[in-house]
Amino acid sequence: MGSDGIALPAAAFDRPAWKTALNWTMAVLTAILFLTAGLYPITDPVGFAGKLAPLTFPEA
């Protein structure tokens, strides 16, 4: 049992190096994707609003 009272198996953190590298790579790519998707509308709000206008549903 660990010092914080949570019992963990000894092999809980044994992971092949390629899995760790792949995990970090995908985490960085996901962060870049979300930052790009969030920062683009902030830097060009008028242009972004113009690009969103055709995506709205027409009123009935």
Protein backbone atom coordinates (compact mmCIF):
# COMPACT_ATOMS: atom_id res chain seq x y z
CA MET A 1 0.00 0.00 0.00
CA GLY A 2 1.29 3.44 -0.90
CA SER A 3 1.89 6.24 1.56
CA ASP A 4 -1.40 7.87 0.56
CA GLY A 5 -3.45 4.76 1.38
CA ILE A 6 -4.19 3.71 -2.19
CA ALA A 7 -3.17 0.18 -3.09
CA LEU A 8 -1.63 -0.04 -6.56
CA PRO A 9 -0.18 -3.08 -8.26
CA ALA A 10 3.57 -2.94 -8.78
CA ALA A 11 3.16 -3.16 -12.57
CA ALA A 12 0.62 -0.32 -12.78
CA PHE A 13 3.16 2.10 -14.21
CA ASP A 14 5.25 -0.32 -16.24
CA ARG A 15 4.44 0.59 -19.82
CA PRO A 16 6.44 0.03 -23.00
CA ALA A 17 8.34 3.09 -24.18
CA TRP A 18 6.50 3.20 -27.51
CA LYS A 19 3.15 3.48 -25.74
CA THR A 20 4.40 6.35 -23.62
CA ALA A 21 5.81 8.13 -26.67
CA LEU A 22 2.59 7.60 -28.62
CA ASN A 23 0.55 8.85 -25.67
CA TRP A 24 2.60 12.06 -25.41
CA THR A 25 2.52 12.61 -29.16
CA MET A 26 -1.25 12.28 -29.33
CA ALA A 27 -1.68 14.51 -26.27
CA VAL A 28 0.41 17.26 -27.89
CA LEU A 29 -1.44 16.94 -31.22
CA THR A 30 -4.80 17.12 -29.44
CA ALA A 31 -3.68 20.21 -27.53
CA ILE A 32 -2.58 21.87 -30.78
CA LEU A 33 -5.92 21.00 -32.39
CA PHE A 34 -7.96 22.50 -29.56
CA LEU A 35 -5.76 25.58 -29.25
CA THR A 36 -6.02 26.21 -32.99
CA ALA A 37 -9.78 25.73 -32.95
CA GLY A 38 -10.11 28.13 -30.02
CA LEU A 39 -7.60 30.81 -30.97
CA TYR A 40 -8.64 31.24 -34.60
CA PRO A 41 -12.08 32.69 -33.80
CA ILE A 42 -10.50 35.06 -31.27
CA THR A 43 -7.97 36.44 -33.75
CA ASP A 44 -10.49 36.97 -36.60
CA PRO A 45 -14.01 37.19 -35.14
CA VAL A 46 -15.58 38.96 -38.14
CA GLY A 47 -14.14 36.51 -40.65
CA PHE A 48 -15.09 33.56 -38.47
CA ALA A 49 -18.66 34.84 -38.11
CA GLY A 50 -18.86 35.13 -41.90
CA LYS A 51 -17.73 31.54 -42.28
CA LEU A 52 -20.30 30.33 -39.73
CA ALA A 53 -23.26 32.13 -41.34
CA PRO A 54 -23.75 29.56 -44.16
CA LEU A 55 -23.73 26.73 -41.61
CA THR A 56 -26.90 27.89 -39.84
CA PHE A 57 -30.29 26.28 -40.50
CA PRO A 58 -32.72 28.38 -42.51
CA GLU A 59 -35.71 29.68 -40.60
CA ALA A 60 -38.97 27.87 -41.28
